[in-house]
C-alpha atoms as a PDB file:
ATOM      1  CA  UNK A   1      -6.099 153.927-270.733  1.00  0.00           C
ATOM      2  CA  UNK A   2      -4.770 157.076-271.428  1.00  0.00           C
ATOM      3  CA  UNK A   3      -8.411 158.478-271.761  1.00  0.00           C
ATOM      4  CA  UNK A   4      -8.992 156.761-267.877  1.00  0.00           C
ATOM      5  CA  UNK A   5      -6.182 158.983-267.468  1.00  0.00           C
ATOM      6  CA  UNK A   6      -7.145 162.118-268.755  1.00  0.00           C
ATOM      7  CA  UNK A   7     -10.711 162.754-267.416  1.00  0.00           C
ATOM      8  CA  UNK A   8      -9.279 161.973-264.563  1.00  0.00           C
ATOM      9  CA  UNK A   9      -6.730 164.907-264.503  1.00  0.00           C
ATOM     10  CA  UNK A  10      -9.216 166.919-266.205  1.00  0.00           C
ATOM     11  CA  UNK A  11     -11.299 165.852-262.853  1.00  0.00           C
ATOM     12  CA  UNK A  12      -8.057 167.390-260.914  1.00  0.00           C
ATOM     13  CA  UNK A  13      -7.824 170.449-262.352  1.00  0.00           C
ATOM     14  CA  UNK A  14     -11.738 171.572-262.142  1.00  0.00           C
ATOM     15  CA  UNK A  15     -11.889 170.427-258.717  1.00  0.00           C
ATOM     16  CA  UNK A  16      -8.543 173.021-257.619  1.00  0.00           C
ATOM     17  CA  UNK A  17     -10.416 175.773-260.640  1.00  0.00           C
ATOM     18  CA  UNK A  18      -8.104 175.194-263.142  1.00  0.00           C
ATOM     19  CA  UNK A  19      -8.696 176.155-265.988  1.00  0.00           C
ATOM     20  CA  UNK A  20     -11.126 179.043-265.811  1.00  0.00           C
ATOM     21  CA  UNK A  21     -12.747 180.967-263.002  1.00  0.00           C
ATOM     22  CA  UNK A  22     -12.557 180.395-259.416  1.00  0.00           C
ATOM     23  CA  UNK A  23     -15.867 180.419-258.146  1.00  0.00           C
ATOM     24  CA  UNK A  24     -18.882 180.631-260.100  1.00  0.00           C
ATOM     25  CA  UNK A  25     -22.540 182.893-260.116  1.00  0.00           C
ATOM     26  CA  UNK A  26     -24.501 180.807-257.055  1.00  0.00           C
ATOM     27  CA  UNK A  27     -28.815 182.651-256.447  1.00  0.00           C
ATOM     28  CA  UNK A  28     -29.020 180.094-254.215  1.00  0.00           C
ATOM     29  CA  UNK A  29     -25.760 181.122-252.473  1.00  0.00           C
ATOM     30  CA  UNK A  30     -26.423 184.846-253.135  1.00  0.00           C
ATOM     31  CA  UNK A  31     -29.675 184.791-251.541  1.00  0.00           C
ATOM     32  CA  UNK A  32     -28.134 182.733-248.307  1.00  0.00           C
ATOM     33  CA  UNK A  33     -25.136 185.742-247.456  1.00  0.00           C
ATOM     34  CA  UNK A  34     -28.399 188.522-248.260  1.00  0.00           C
ATOM     35  CA  UNK A  35     -30.164 186.333-245.848  1.00  0.00           C
ATOM     36  CA  UNK A  36     -26.870 186.488-243.142  1.00  0.00           C
ATOM     37  CA  UNK A  37     -27.229 190.703-243.918  1.00  0.00           C
ATOM     38  CA  UNK A  38     -27.793 191.752-240.387  1.00  0.00           C
ATOM     39  CA  UNK A  39     -30.961 193.779-240.105  1.00  0.00           C
ATOM     40  CA  UNK A  40     -30.982 197.548-238.945  1.00  0.00           C
ATOM     41  CA  UNK A  41     -33.573 197.211-235.998  1.00  0.00           C
ATOM     42  CA  UNK A  42     -34.314 199.815-233.679  1.00  0.00           C
ATOM     43  CA  UNK A  43     -36.838 199.607-230.360  1.00  0.00           C
ATOM     44  CA  UNK A  44     -37.680 200.228-226.869  1.00  0.00           C
ATOM     45  CA  UNK A  45     -37.604 199.218-223.373  1.00  0.00           C
ATOM     46  CA  UNK A  46     -40.947 200.958-222.731  1.00  0.00           C
ATOM     47  CA  UNK A  47     -42.900 199.269-225.794  1.00  0.00           C
ATOM     48  CA  UNK A  48     -43.027 196.778-227.963  1.00  0.00           C
ATOM     49  CA  UNK A  49     -44.027 198.557-232.164  1.00  0.00           C
ATOM     50  CA  UNK A  50     -47.459 198.083-231.620  1.00  0.00           C
ATOM     51  CA  UNK A  51     -48.053 198.635-228.444  1.00  0.00           C
ATOM     52  CA  UNK A  52     -49.055 201.315-225.702  1.00  0.00           C
ATOM     53  CA  UNK A  53     -46.561 204.063-225.379  1.00  0.00           C
ATOM     54  CA  UNK A  54     -46.340 204.075-221.405  1.00  0.00           C
ATOM     55  CA  UNK A  55     -48.270 207.483-219.797  1.00  0.00           C
ATOM     56  CA  UNK A  56     -45.049 208.189-218.914  1.00  0.00           C
ATOM     57  CA  UNK A  57     -44.067 209.628-221.954  1.00  0.00           C
ATOM     58  CA  UNK A  58     -46.673 211.482-223.210  1.00  0.00           C
ATOM     59  CA  UNK A  59     -47.567 214.833-222.583  1.00  0.00           C
ATOM     60  CA  UNK A  60     -48.642 216.611-218.906  1.00  0.00           C
ATOM     61  CA  UNK A  61     -51.757 217.524-220.062  1.00  0.00           C
ATOM     62  CA  UNK A  62     -52.494 213.709-220.654  1.00  0.00           C
ATOM     63  CA  UNK A  63     -50.468 213.486-216.701  1.00  0.00           C
ATOM     64  CA  UNK A  64     -47.744 212.215-218.091  1.00  0.00           C
ATOM     65  CA  UNK A  65     -43.921 213.719-217.646  1.00  0.00           C
ATOM     66  CA  UNK A  66     -43.298 214.614-221.123  1.00  0.00           C
ATOM     67  CA  UNK A  67     -40.079 211.633-220.962  1.00  0.00           C
ATOM     68  CA  UNK A  68     -38.955 210.281-224.713  1.00  0.00           C
ATOM     69  CA  UNK A  69     -38.510 207.326-224.455  1.00  0.00           C
ATOM     70  CA  UNK A  70     -35.484 204.785-224.589  1.00  0.00           C
ATOM     71  CA  UNK A  71     -34.645 203.978-227.457  1.00  0.00           C
ATOM     72  CA  UNK A  72     -32.040 201.100-228.992  1.00  0.00           C
ATOM     73  CA  UNK A  73     -30.793 200.451-232.870  1.00  0.00           C
ATOM     74  CA  UNK A  74     -28.499 198.046-233.875  1.00  0.00           C
ATOM     75  CA  UNK A  75     -26.784 196.818-237.230  1.00  0.00           C
ATOM     76  CA  UNK A  76     -26.165 200.432-238.484  1.00  0.00           C
ATOM     77  CA  UNK A  77     -24.540 199.202-242.028  1.00  0.00           C
ATOM     78  CA  UNK A  78     -20.892 199.834-243.032  1.00  0.00           C
ATOM     79  CA  UNK A  79     -20.292 204.427-243.833  1.00  0.00           C
ATOM     80  CA  UNK A  80     -22.633 205.913-241.488  1.00  0.00           C
ATOM     81  CA  UNK A  81     -20.955 208.784-240.230  1.00  0.00           C
ATOM     82  CA  UNK A  82     -24.579 209.701-238.448  1.00  0.00           C
ATOM     83  CA  UNK A  83     -27.646 209.138-237.247  1.00  0.00           C
ATOM     84  CA  UNK A  84     -31.094 211.545-237.668  1.00  0.00           C
ATOM     85  CA  UNK A  85     -34.558 210.479-235.816  1.00  0.00           C
ATOM     86  CA  UNK A  86     -38.210 211.228-236.102  1.00  0.00           C
ATOM     87  CA  UNK A  87     -40.753 211.133-234.516  1.00  0.00           C
ATOM     88  CA  UNK A  88     -44.056 211.807-235.725  1.00  0.00           C
ATOM     89  CA  UNK A  89     -48.272 210.947-235.639  1.00  0.00           C
ATOM     90  CA  UNK A  90     -50.553 211.216-238.604  1.00  0.00           C
ATOM     91  CA  UNK A  91     -53.880 210.274-237.495  1.00  0.00           C
ATOM     92  CA  UNK A  92     -56.790 213.070-238.070  1.00  0.00           C
ATOM     93  CA  UNK A  93     -56.920 215.859-236.615  1.00  0.00           C
ATOM     94  CA  UNK A  94     -52.873 216.093-238.569  1.00  0.00           C
ATOM     95  CA  UNK A  95     -52.421 214.799-241.812  1.00  0.00           C
ATOM     96  CA  UNK A  96     -50.378 212.313-243.600  1.00  0.00           C
ATOM     97  CA  UNK A  97     -46.545 212.420-244.848  1.00  0.00           C
ATOM     98  CA  UNK A  98     -46.083 215.929-245.248  1.00  0.00           C
ATOM     99  CA  UNK A  99     -47.920 216.787-242.711  1.00  0.00           C
ATOM    100  CA  UNK A 100     -48.128 214.925-240.237  1.00  0.00           C
ATOM    101  CA  UNK A 101     -48.144 216.393-236.384  1.00  0.00           C
ATOM    102  CA  UNK A 102     -44.027 216.443-236.473  1.00  0.00           C
ATOM    103  CA  UNK A 103     -43.526 215.504-231.707  1.00  0.00           C
ATOM    104  CA  UNK A 104     -39.710 214.995-232.407  1.00  0.00           C
ATOM    105  CA  UNK A 105     -36.578 216.270-234.575  1.00  0.00           C
ATOM    106  CA  UNK A 106     -33.725 214.877-233.673  1.00  0.00           C
ATOM    107  CA  UNK A 107     -30.303 215.263-235.585  1.00  0.00           C
ATOM    108  CA  UNK A 108     -26.280 214.423-235.418  1.00  0.00           C
ATOM    109  CA  UNK A 109     -26.070 211.457-233.424  1.00  0.00           C
ATOM    110  CA  UNK A 110     -23.167 210.135-233.809  1.00  0.00           C
ATOM    111  CA  UNK A 111     -22.111 207.106-235.390  1.00  0.00           C
ATOM    112  CA  UNK A 112     -21.144 205.879-232.411  1.00  0.00           C
ATOM    113  CA  UNK A 113     -24.280 206.246-230.094  1.00  0.00           C
ATOM    114  CA  UNK A 114     -26.427 203.157-230.381  1.00  0.00           C
ATOM    115  CA  UNK A 115     -28.766 204.003-228.156  1.00  0.00           C
ATOM    116  CA  UNK A 116     -30.951 206.684-226.341  1.00  0.00           C
ATOM    117  CA  UNK A 117     -31.788 206.905-222.109  1.00  0.00           C
ATOM    118  CA  UNK A 118     -35.300 207.592-221.729  1.00  0.00           C
ATOM    119  CA  UNK A 119     -36.308 211.630-221.070  1.00  0.00           C
ATOM    120  CA  UNK A 120     -33.046 212.664-222.479  1.00  0.00           C
ATOM    121  CA  UNK A 121     -30.856 215.738-223.636  1.00  0.00           C
ATOM    122  CA  UNK A 122     -28.959 216.734-226.370  1.00  0.00           C
ATOM    123  CA  UNK A 123     -26.336 217.870-224.361  1.00  0.00           C
ATOM    124  CA  UNK A 124     -26.087 213.822-223.105  1.00  0.00           C
ATOM    125  CA  UNK A 125     -25.638 212.315-226.538  1.00  0.00           C
ATOM    126  CA  UNK A 126     -22.070 212.534-226.821  1.00  0.00           C
ATOM    127  CA  UNK A 127     -19.588 210.731-229.396  1.00  0.00           C
ATOM    128  CA  UNK A 128     -16.493 208.847-228.208  1.00  0.00           C
ATOM    129  CA  UNK A 129     -14.613 211.847-226.765  1.00  0.00           C
ATOM    130  CA  UNK A 130     -17.371 213.005-224.925  1.00  0.00           C
ATOM    131  CA  UNK A 131     -18.669 215.356-227.782  1.00  0.00           C
ATOM    132  CA  UNK A 132     -22.287 216.051-228.529  1.00  0.00           C
ATOM    133  CA  UNK A 133     -23.150 217.739-231.472  1.00  0.00           C
ATOM    134  CA  UNK A 134     -26.637 216.977-231.838  1.00  0.00           C
ATOM    135  CA  UNK A 135     -30.122 219.880-231.488  1.00  0.00           C
ATOM    136  CA  UNK A 136     -33.094 218.805-231.877  1.00  0.00           C
ATOM    137  CA  UNK A 137     -35.449 220.202-234.464  1.00  0.00           C
ATOM    138  CA  UNK A 138     -39.616 222.212-234.221  1.00  0.00           C
ATOM    139  CA  UNK A 139     -41.566 220.210-233.106  1.00  0.00           C
ATOM    140  CA  UNK A 140     -45.370 221.116-234.172  1.00  0.00           C
ATOM    141  CA  UNK A 141     -45.929 222.999-231.551  1.00  0.00           C
ATOM    142  CA  UNK A 142     -43.167 224.747-232.272  1.00  0.00           C
ATOM    143  CA  UNK A 143     -40.567 224.307-230.117  1.00  0.00           C
ATOM    144  CA  UNK A 144     -37.099 222.823-230.210  1.00  0.00           C
ATOM    145  CA  UNK A 145     -37.848 219.760-227.865  1.00  0.00           C
ATOM    146  CA  UNK A 146     -39.482 216.406-227.882  1.00  0.00           C
ATOM    147  CA  UNK A 147     -43.197 216.536-227.356  1.00  0.00           C
ATOM    148  CA  UNK A 148     -44.680 213.521-226.264  1.00  0.00           C
ATOM    149  CA  UNK A 149     -47.972 212.630-227.196  1.00  0.00           C
ATOM    150  CA  UNK A 150     -51.067 214.405-227.015  1.00  0.00           C
ATOM    151  CA  UNK A 151     -54.313 213.315-228.265  1.00  0.00           C
ATOM    152  CA  UNK A 152     -57.414 215.200-228.411  1.00  0.00           C
ATOM    153  CA  UNK A 153     -59.784 214.214-225.711  1.00  0.00           C
ATOM    154  CA  UNK A 154     -60.974 210.976-226.137  1.00  0.00           C
ATOM    155  CA  UNK A 155     -58.488 209.937-229.277  1.00  0.00           C
ATOM    156  CA  UNK A 156     -56.149 207.702-229.537  1.00  0.00           C
ATOM    157  CA  UNK A 157     -53.586 208.319-231.985  1.00  0.00           C
ATOM    158  CA  UNK A 158     -50.283 206.084-233.664  1.00  0.00           C
ATOM    159  CA  UNK A 159     -46.786 207.397-233.315  1.00  0.00           C
ATOM    160  CA  UNK A 160     -44.023 206.764-235.648  1.00  0.00           C
ATOM    161  CA  UNK A 161     -40.765 207.088-234.062  1.00  0.00           C
ATOM    162  CA  UNK A 162     -38.014 206.255-237.543  1.00  0.00           C
ATOM    163  CA  UNK A 163     -33.631 205.977-236.749  1.00  0.00           C
ATOM    164  CA  UNK A 164     -31.899 207.571-240.459  1.00  0.00           C
ATOM    165  CA  UNK A 165     -28.224 206.179-240.631  1.00  0.00           C
ATOM    166  CA  UNK A 166     -26.881 209.230-242.604  1.00  0.00           C
ATOM    167  CA  UNK A 167     -23.848 209.291-245.131  1.00  0.00           C
ATOM    168  CA  UNK A 168     -21.086 211.874-244.117  1.00  0.00           C
ATOM    169  CA  UNK A 169     -21.740 213.977-247.064  1.00  0.00           C
ATOM    170  CA  UNK A 170     -25.731 215.066-246.078  1.00  0.00           C
ATOM    171  CA  UNK A 171     -26.696 218.265-245.969  1.00  0.00           C
ATOM    172  CA  UNK A 172     -26.283 220.246-243.098  1.00  0.00           C
ATOM    173  CA  UNK A 173     -29.354 219.832-240.723  1.00  0.00           C
ATOM    174  CA  UNK A 174     -30.027 223.386-238.262  1.00  0.00           C
ATOM    175  CA  UNK A 175     -32.579 223.964-234.923  1.00  0.00           C
ATOM    176  CA  UNK A 176     -35.004 225.917-237.472  1.00  0.00           C
ATOM    177  CA  UNK A 177     -35.386 222.677-239.140  1.00  0.00           C
ATOM    178  CA  UNK A 178     -39.006 220.638-238.768  1.00  0.00           C
ATOM    179  CA  UNK A 179     -38.871 217.705-240.510  1.00  0.00           C
ATOM    180  CA  UNK A 180     -41.758 214.971-240.970  1.00  0.00           C
ATOM    181  CA  UNK A 181     -40.637 211.568-241.907  1.00  0.00           C
ATOM    182  CA  UNK A 182     -41.820 211.510-245.804  1.00  0.00           C
ATOM    183  CA  UNK A 183     -39.783 215.074-245.764  1.00  0.00           C
ATOM    184  CA  UNK A 184     -36.747 213.536-244.507  1.00  0.00           C
ATOM    185  CA  UNK A 185     -36.528 211.099-246.585  1.00  0.00           C
ATOM    186  CA  UNK A 186     -37.013 212.866-249.301  1.00  0.00           C
ATOM    187  CA  UNK A 187     -34.669 215.581-248.662  1.00  0.00           C
ATOM    188  CA  UNK A 188     -31.961 213.293-247.160  1.00  0.00           C
ATOM    189  CA  UNK A 189     -32.408 210.340-249.815  1.00  0.00           C
ATOM    190  CA  UNK A 190     -28.947 210.515-251.611  1.00  0.00           C
ATOM    191  CA  UNK A 191     -27.696 210.196-248.771  1.00  0.00           C
ATOM    192  CA  UNK A 192     -28.890 207.878-246.365  1.00  0.00           C
ATOM    193  CA  UNK A 193     -27.425 204.579-245.965  1.00  0.00           C
ATOM    194  CA  UNK A 194     -30.689 202.652-244.060  1.00  0.00           C
ATOM    195  CA  UNK A 195     -33.981 203.670-242.000  1.00  0.00           C
ATOM    196  CA  UNK A 196     -35.413 201.678-238.928  1.00  0.00           C
ATOM    197  CA  UNK A 197     -38.387 202.628-237.332  1.00  0.00           C
ATOM    198  CA  UNK A 198     -41.079 201.326-234.539  1.00  0.00           C
ATOM    199  CA  UNK A 199     -44.381 202.496-233.322  1.00  0.00           C
ATOM    200  CA  UNK A 200     -46.277 202.627-230.476  1.00  0.00           C
ATOM    201  CA  UNK A 201     -50.571 204.338-229.469  1.00  0.00           C
ATOM    202  CA  UNK A 202     -51.312 206.625-227.138  1.00  0.00           C
ATOM    203  CA  UNK A 203     -55.175 205.771-225.737  1.00  0.00           C
ATOM    204  CA  UNK A 204     -55.781 209.842-224.541  1.00  0.00           C
ATOM    205  CA  UNK A 205     -57.858 208.255-221.448  1.00  0.00           C
ATOM    206  CA  UNK A 206     -55.449 205.519-220.706  1.00  0.00           C
END
């Protein structure tokens, strides 16, 4: 009878977490928790990743309007202080990685911002107080602006858009800087909390 009672008592203690840690490590539970963590994502209403970039976003030499596309991102990680956006092209005659052609560098985007309008101006990208600290770095064309797809006649190039969530201790960015995706990742590696990307192609004669 005593053995039965003792067994019942131990069962109650175990159920209440007595006699040790109130929780135990579970690889399955940890994996499920990680799976539930929202993914930092970048998207556009202008095109889907892997799709064709509309003519309106191409350079004027291609009969485009040179309008930057609408972009949105979601699920930025906790601790994000600001965002930076890089657009580059690795299709020859542009090179790969550090030798890519830089089409857009957009820096100092406030953490309260989660989208960019089509043909956006840095002055229009404001924080919750209505103030903008956004600047544009230099492009392959030597401008501080958005430079739309402008491949050589007969070619089709692929353009990569990458948004970075940065911590507050990132080094300063200035208008005379120019970064490809790989250069920015290397330069700001210790302060990049997360990044998200998408890409689109532009046929020369679309």
